[in-house]
C-alpha atoms as a PDB file:
ATOM      1  CA  LEU A   1      -0.050   0.002  -0.153  1.00  0.00           C
ATOM      2  CA  ALA A   2       1.374   3.395  -1.033  1.00  0.00           C
ATOM      3  CA  ALA A   3       0.929   6.335   1.279  1.00  0.00           C
ATOM      4  CA  CYS A   4       2.727   9.668   1.757  1.00  0.00           C
ATOM      5  CA  ASP A   5       5.151   8.773   4.653  1.00  0.00           C
ATOM      6  CA  ALA A   6       4.772  12.307   6.091  1.00  0.00           C
ATOM      7  CA  THR A   7       1.003  12.282   5.886  1.00  0.00           C
ATOM      8  CA  LYS A   8      -0.999  10.641   8.726  1.00  0.00           C
ATOM      9  CA  LEU A   9      -4.703  10.846   9.492  1.00  0.00           C
ATOM     10  CA  ASP A  10      -6.483  11.754  12.626  1.00  0.00           C
ATOM     11  CA  LEU A  11      -8.490   9.037  14.446  1.00  0.00           C
ATOM     12  CA  VAL A  12     -11.983   8.587  13.016  1.00  0.00           C
ATOM     13  CA  GLU A  13     -14.020   8.499  16.363  1.00  0.00           C
ATOM     14  CA  SER A  14     -16.651   5.738  16.683  1.00  0.00           C
ATOM     15  CA  ASP A  15     -19.490   8.125  16.117  1.00  0.00           C
ATOM     16  CA  GLY A  16     -17.616   9.754  12.923  1.00  0.00           C
ATOM     17  CA  VAL A  17     -18.600   9.479   9.495  1.00  0.00           C
ATOM     18  CA  ILE A  18     -16.588   8.552   6.400  1.00  0.00           C
ATOM     19  CA  LEU A  19     -17.969   9.501   2.995  1.00  0.00           C
ATOM     20  CA  ALA A  20     -17.097   7.258   0.143  1.00  0.00           C
ATOM     21  CA  PHE A  21     -17.175   9.587  -2.771  1.00  0.00           C
ATOM     22  CA  GLY A  22     -16.841   8.314  -6.332  1.00  0.00           C
ATOM     23  CA  ASP A  23     -18.416   6.637  -9.301  1.00  0.00           C
ATOM     24  CA  SER A  24     -19.735   3.064 -10.123  1.00  0.00           C
ATOM     25  CA  LEU A  25     -16.462   1.415  -8.164  1.00  0.00           C
ATOM     26  CA  THR A  26     -17.862   3.362  -5.117  1.00  0.00           C
ATOM     27  CA  TYR A  27     -21.523   2.573  -5.803  1.00  0.00           C
ATOM     28  CA  GLY A  28     -20.690  -1.136  -6.150  1.00  0.00           C
ATOM     29  CA  VAL A  29     -21.799  -1.917  -9.738  1.00  0.00           C
ATOM     30  CA  GLY A  30     -21.400  -5.632 -10.449  1.00  0.00           C
ATOM     31  CA  ALA A  31     -21.974  -6.897  -6.880  1.00  0.00           C
ATOM     32  CA  ASP A  32     -24.901  -7.580  -4.693  1.00  0.00           C
ATOM     33  CA  LYS A  33     -26.301  -4.249  -3.323  1.00  0.00           C
ATOM     34  CA  ASN A  34     -24.971  -5.052   0.148  1.00  0.00           C
ATOM     35  CA  ARG A  35     -21.478  -5.842  -0.841  1.00  0.00           C
ATOM     36  CA  SER A  36     -20.067  -2.614  -2.151  1.00  0.00           C
ATOM     37  CA  TYR A  37     -16.779  -1.494  -0.648  1.00  0.00           C
ATOM     38  CA  PRO A  38     -18.312   1.304   1.630  1.00  0.00           C
ATOM     39  CA  ILE A  39     -20.791  -1.234   3.277  1.00  0.00           C
ATOM     40  CA  THR A  40     -17.935  -3.782   3.620  1.00  0.00           C
ATOM     41  CA  LEU A  41     -15.585  -1.036   5.005  1.00  0.00           C
ATOM     42  CA  SER A  42     -18.321   0.078   7.472  1.00  0.00           C
ATOM     43  CA  GLN A  43     -18.632  -3.529   8.795  1.00  0.00           C
ATOM     44  CA  LEU A  44     -14.950  -3.912   9.106  1.00  0.00           C
ATOM     45  CA  SER A  45     -14.309  -0.553  10.906  1.00  0.00           C
ATOM     46  CA  GLY A  46     -17.462  -0.208  13.036  1.00  0.00           C
ATOM     47  CA  VAL A  47     -17.878   3.286  11.604  1.00  0.00           C
ATOM     48  CA  GLU A  48     -20.700   4.569   9.545  1.00  0.00           C
ATOM     49  CA  VAL A  49     -19.493   4.846   5.761  1.00  0.00           C
ATOM     50  CA  ILE A  50     -21.702   6.583   3.408  1.00  0.00           C
ATOM     51  CA  ASN A  51     -21.875   5.224  -0.167  1.00  0.00           C
ATOM     52  CA  SER A  52     -21.837   8.333  -2.161  1.00  0.00           C
ATOM     53  CA  GLY A  53     -21.125   6.497  -5.501  1.00  0.00           C
ATOM     54  CA  VAL A  54     -22.905   7.592  -8.877  1.00  0.00           C
ATOM     55  CA  SER A  55     -22.580   5.239 -11.694  1.00  0.00           C
ATOM     56  CA  GLY A  56     -21.103   6.882 -14.975  1.00  0.00           C
ATOM     57  CA  GLU A  57     -20.144  10.194 -13.065  1.00  0.00           C
ATOM     58  CA  THR A  58     -17.144  12.114 -14.379  1.00  0.00           C
ATOM     59  CA  THR A  59     -15.221  14.587 -12.273  1.00  0.00           C
ATOM     60  CA  ASP A  60     -16.869  17.664 -13.498  1.00  0.00           C
ATOM     61  CA  LYS A  61     -20.263  16.305 -12.249  1.00  0.00           C
ATOM     62  CA  GLY A  62     -18.654  14.925  -9.009  1.00  0.00           C
ATOM     63  CA  LEU A  63     -17.273  18.422  -8.413  1.00  0.00           C
ATOM     64  CA  LYS A  64     -20.765  19.902  -8.639  1.00  0.00           C
ATOM     65  CA  ARG A  65     -22.339  17.301  -6.452  1.00  0.00           C
ATOM     66  CA  LEU A  66     -19.722  17.098  -3.667  1.00  0.00           C
ATOM     67  CA  PRO A  67     -20.599  20.259  -1.710  1.00  0.00           C
ATOM     68  CA  SER A  68     -24.105  18.953  -1.007  1.00  0.00           C
ATOM     69  CA  GLU A  69     -22.866  15.701   0.086  1.00  0.00           C
ATOM     70  CA  LEU A  70     -20.250  17.106   2.456  1.00  0.00           C
ATOM     71  CA  GLU A  71     -23.061  19.457   3.754  1.00  0.00           C
ATOM     72  CA  LYS A  72     -25.532  16.571   4.086  1.00  0.00           C
ATOM     73  CA  TYR A  73     -23.249  14.016   5.963  1.00  0.00           C
ATOM     74  CA  ASN A  74     -20.465  16.315   7.693  1.00  0.00           C
ATOM     75  CA  PRO A  75     -17.894  13.482   7.227  1.00  0.00           C
ATOM     76  CA  SER A  76     -14.598  13.482   9.259  1.00  0.00           C
ATOM     77  CA  LEU A  77     -12.812  11.546   6.274  1.00  0.00           C
ATOM     78  CA  VAL A  78     -13.578  11.343   2.666  1.00  0.00           C
ATOM     79  CA  ILE A  79     -12.322   8.609   0.482  1.00  0.00           C
ATOM     80  CA  LEU A  80     -12.015  10.115  -3.021  1.00  0.00           C
ATOM     81  CA  LEU A  81     -12.240   7.591  -5.799  1.00  0.00           C
ATOM     82  CA  GLU A  82     -13.192   9.512  -8.965  1.00  0.00           C
ATOM     83  CA  GLY A  83     -12.016   9.810 -12.646  1.00  0.00           C
ATOM     84  CA  GLY A  84     -12.367   6.440 -14.196  1.00  0.00           C
ATOM     85  CA  ASN A  85     -15.161   7.569 -16.438  1.00  0.00           C
ATOM     86  CA  ASP A  86     -13.202  10.476 -17.495  1.00  0.00           C
ATOM     87  CA  ILE A  87     -10.278   8.185 -18.554  1.00  0.00           C
ATOM     88  CA  LEU A  88     -12.605   5.844 -20.256  1.00  0.00           C
ATOM     89  CA  ARG A  89     -13.816   8.876 -22.339  1.00  0.00           C
ATOM     90  CA  ASN A  90     -10.280  10.108 -23.006  1.00  0.00           C
ATOM     91  CA  ARG A  91     -10.961  13.460 -21.275  1.00  0.00           C
ATOM     92  CA  ASP A  92      -8.235  15.811 -21.051  1.00  0.00           C
ATOM     93  CA  ARG A  93      -5.995  14.902 -18.226  1.00  0.00           C
ATOM     94  CA  SER A  94      -5.431  18.492 -17.055  1.00  0.00           C
ATOM     95  CA  LEU A  95      -9.255  18.938 -16.530  1.00  0.00           C
ATOM     96  CA  ILE A  96      -9.416  15.743 -14.582  1.00  0.00           C
ATOM     97  CA  LYS A  97      -6.631  16.905 -12.471  1.00  0.00           C
ATOM     98  CA  SER A  98      -8.180  20.242 -11.891  1.00  0.00           C
ATOM     99  CA  ASP A  99     -11.595  18.885 -10.988  1.00  0.00           C
ATOM    100  CA  LEU A 100      -9.977  16.494  -8.548  1.00  0.00           C
ATOM    101  CA  SER A 101      -7.642  19.247  -7.077  1.00  0.00           C
ATOM    102  CA  HIS A 102     -10.812  21.334  -6.621  1.00  0.00           C
ATOM    103  CA  MET A 103     -12.572  18.556  -4.908  1.00  0.00           C
ATOM    104  CA  ILE A 104      -9.614  17.989  -2.631  1.00  0.00           C
ATOM    105  CA  LYS A 105      -9.649  21.612  -1.559  1.00  0.00           C
ATOM    106  CA  ILE A 106     -13.400  21.727  -1.063  1.00  0.00           C
ATOM    107  CA  ILE A 107     -13.287  18.718   1.257  1.00  0.00           C
ATOM    108  CA  GLU A 108     -10.364  20.149   3.295  1.00  0.00           C
ATOM    109  CA  ARG A 109     -12.212  23.371   3.513  1.00  0.00           C
ATOM    110  CA  SER A 110     -15.043  21.384   5.066  1.00  0.00           C
ATOM    111  CA  GLY A 111     -12.694  20.274   7.746  1.00  0.00           C
ATOM    112  CA  ALA A 112     -12.714  16.622   6.488  1.00  0.00           C
ATOM    113  CA  GLN A 113      -9.527  14.495   5.877  1.00  0.00           C
ATOM    114  CA  VAL A 114      -8.966  13.138   2.351  1.00  0.00           C
ATOM    115  CA  VAL A 115      -7.828   9.786   1.286  1.00  0.00           C
ATOM    116  CA  LEU A 116      -7.120   9.597  -2.362  1.00  0.00           C
ATOM    117  CA  ILE A 117      -7.575   6.330  -4.376  1.00  0.00           C
ATOM    118  CA  GLY A 118      -5.767   6.346  -7.783  1.00  0.00           C
ATOM    119  CA  VAL A 119      -7.614   5.124 -11.157  1.00  0.00           C
ATOM    120  CA  PRO A 120      -5.533   3.222 -13.647  1.00  0.00           C
ATOM    121  CA  LYS A 121      -4.772   4.510 -17.146  1.00  0.00           C
ATOM    122  CA  LYS A 122      -6.413   2.593 -19.922  1.00  0.00           C
ATOM    123  CA  SER A 123      -3.786  -0.038 -20.406  1.00  0.00           C
ATOM    124  CA  LEU A 124      -4.090  -3.552 -19.076  1.00  0.00           C
ATOM    125  CA  PHE A 125      -1.147  -3.668 -16.915  1.00  0.00           C
ATOM    126  CA  SER A 126      -1.140  -0.073 -15.689  1.00  0.00           C
ATOM    127  CA  SER A 127      -0.918   1.495 -12.159  1.00  0.00           C
ATOM    128  CA  SER A 128      -2.923   4.558 -11.375  1.00  0.00           C
ATOM    129  CA  ASP A 129      -2.721   7.553 -13.921  1.00  0.00           C
ATOM    130  CA  ARG A 130       0.144   9.883 -12.871  1.00  0.00           C
ATOM    131  CA  ILE A 131      -2.233  12.697 -12.063  1.00  0.00           C
ATOM    132  CA  TYR A 132      -3.263  10.978  -8.843  1.00  0.00           C
ATOM    133  CA  GLN A 133       0.485  10.683  -7.538  1.00  0.00           C
ATOM    134  CA  GLU A 134       0.868  14.352  -8.555  1.00  0.00           C
ATOM    135  CA  LEU A 135      -2.261  15.395  -6.576  1.00  0.00           C
ATOM    136  CA  ALA A 136      -1.264  13.264  -3.532  1.00  0.00           C
ATOM    137  CA  GLU A 137       2.112  14.961  -3.490  1.00  0.00           C
ATOM    138  CA  GLU A 138       0.863  18.518  -3.985  1.00  0.00           C
ATOM    139  CA  HIS A 139      -1.884  18.070  -1.376  1.00  0.00           C
ATOM    140  CA  GLU A 140       0.138  15.906   0.920  1.00  0.00           C
ATOM    141  CA  LEU A 141      -2.576  13.118   1.142  1.00  0.00           C
ATOM    142  CA  VAL A 142      -2.585   9.491   2.171  1.00  0.00           C
ATOM    143  CA  PHE A 143      -2.733   7.846  -1.369  1.00  0.00           C
ATOM    144  CA  GLU A 144      -3.316   4.412  -2.667  1.00  0.00           C
ATOM    145  CA  GLY A 145      -2.174   3.991  -6.271  1.00  0.00           C
ATOM    146  CA  GLU A 146      -1.996   0.365  -7.033  1.00  0.00           C
ATOM    147  CA  LEU A 147      -5.177  -1.093  -5.562  1.00  0.00           C
ATOM    148  CA  VAL A 148      -7.617  -0.480  -8.376  1.00  0.00           C
ATOM    149  CA  GLY A 149      -5.299  -1.488 -11.015  1.00  0.00           C
ATOM    150  CA  SER A 150      -4.282  -4.662  -9.208  1.00  0.00           C
ATOM    151  CA  LEU A 151      -7.948  -5.722  -8.689  1.00  0.00           C
ATOM    152  CA  MET A 152      -8.738  -4.988 -12.292  1.00  0.00           C
ATOM    153  CA  ARG A 153      -6.038  -7.469 -13.361  1.00  0.00           C
ATOM    154  CA  SER A 154      -7.680 -10.361 -11.495  1.00  0.00           C
ATOM    155  CA  PRO A 155     -10.471 -11.674 -13.577  1.00  0.00           C
ATOM    156  CA  SER A 156     -11.811 -13.595 -10.565  1.00  0.00           C
ATOM    157  CA  LEU A 157     -12.470 -10.478  -8.857  1.00  0.00           C
ATOM    158  CA  LYS A 158     -14.487  -8.883 -11.787  1.00  0.00           C
ATOM    159  CA  SER A 159     -18.077  -8.856 -12.916  1.00  0.00           C
ATOM    160  CA  ASP A 160     -17.286  -7.448 -16.289  1.00  0.00           C
ATOM    161  CA  PRO A 161     -14.275  -5.727 -17.918  1.00  0.00           C
ATOM    162  CA  ILE A 162     -14.584  -2.397 -15.695  1.00  0.00           C
ATOM    163  CA  HIS A 163     -16.388  -3.575 -12.468  1.00  0.00           C
ATOM    164  CA  LEU A 164     -15.690  -5.816  -9.531  1.00  0.00           C
ATOM    165  CA  ASN A 165     -17.747  -8.599  -8.028  1.00  0.00           C
ATOM    166  CA  ASP A 166     -18.491  -9.270  -4.478  1.00  0.00           C
ATOM    167  CA  LYS A 167     -15.227 -10.690  -3.889  1.00  0.00           C
ATOM    168  CA  GLY A 168     -13.402  -7.798  -5.622  1.00  0.00           C
ATOM    169  CA  TYR A 169     -15.174  -5.219  -3.446  1.00  0.00           C
ATOM    170  CA  ARG A 170     -14.329  -7.135  -0.404  1.00  0.00           C
ATOM    171  CA  LYS A 171     -10.716  -6.945  -1.233  1.00  0.00           C
ATOM    172  CA  MET A 172     -10.964  -3.345  -2.008  1.00  0.00           C
ATOM    173  CA  ALA A 173     -12.667  -2.643   1.321  1.00  0.00           C
ATOM    174  CA  GLU A 174     -10.134  -4.727   3.369  1.00  0.00           C
ATOM    175  CA  SER A 175      -7.260  -2.876   1.466  1.00  0.00           C
ATOM    176  CA  ILE A 176      -8.608   0.504   2.243  1.00  0.00           C
ATOM    177  CA  TYR A 177      -9.383  -0.337   5.870  1.00  0.00           C
ATOM    178  CA  GLU A 178      -5.769  -1.463   6.205  1.00  0.00           C
ATOM    179  CA  LEU A 179      -4.495   1.771   4.602  1.00  0.00           C
ATOM    180  CA  LEU A 180      -6.693   3.794   6.984  1.00  0.00           C
ATOM    181  CA  LYS A 181      -5.506   1.670  10.008  1.00  0.00           C
ATOM    182  CA  GLU A 182      -1.909   2.069   9.015  1.00  0.00           C
ATOM    183  CA  ASN A 183      -2.316   5.878   8.814  1.00  0.00           C
ATOM    184  CA  GLY A 184      -4.030   6.302  12.088  1.00  0.00           C
ATOM    185  CA  ALA A 185      -7.665   6.559  11.210  1.00  0.00           C
ATOM    186  CA  PHE A 186      -8.423   3.411  13.299  1.00  0.00           C
ATOM    187  CA  GLU A 187      -6.778   1.891  16.406  1.00  0.00           C
END
């Protein structure tokens, strides 16, 4: 698991809220309704994890949706996993990066911590697109850049070419839980 060494998270209290913000990989397309990674992460952590995933969403749409989600749930931590649809549609990388950077700033201004999950480029064996590493460094975020790519390379964890199955989302939740734990969000 990759994380910026200097960046650590504050403890998420038992009554705290985590907002899982993203697209279909957050929503849980391809899995049973109760097996998305946010639901599994909530079970693992004992903390409320809100599934704020919208299938098909691009970063420009997510940027518009984010403020109301932050206001509605007042999370102490946001897991940001967004940009896959932009990459699949060949949207300009500078626009994706700009949208994600604005999202990070909005989250931080709300008082919540940000954990960034990278999305792979459109090649079979790729790790996350370079813009995610750049954003993690620029904003000094806890970052996971290999998770989605490694899950996507395992056919037994997928329901279709771009979505996970129950087992894949479970592995995603377990990896994110470990990342959060290693960085101080959970004891």
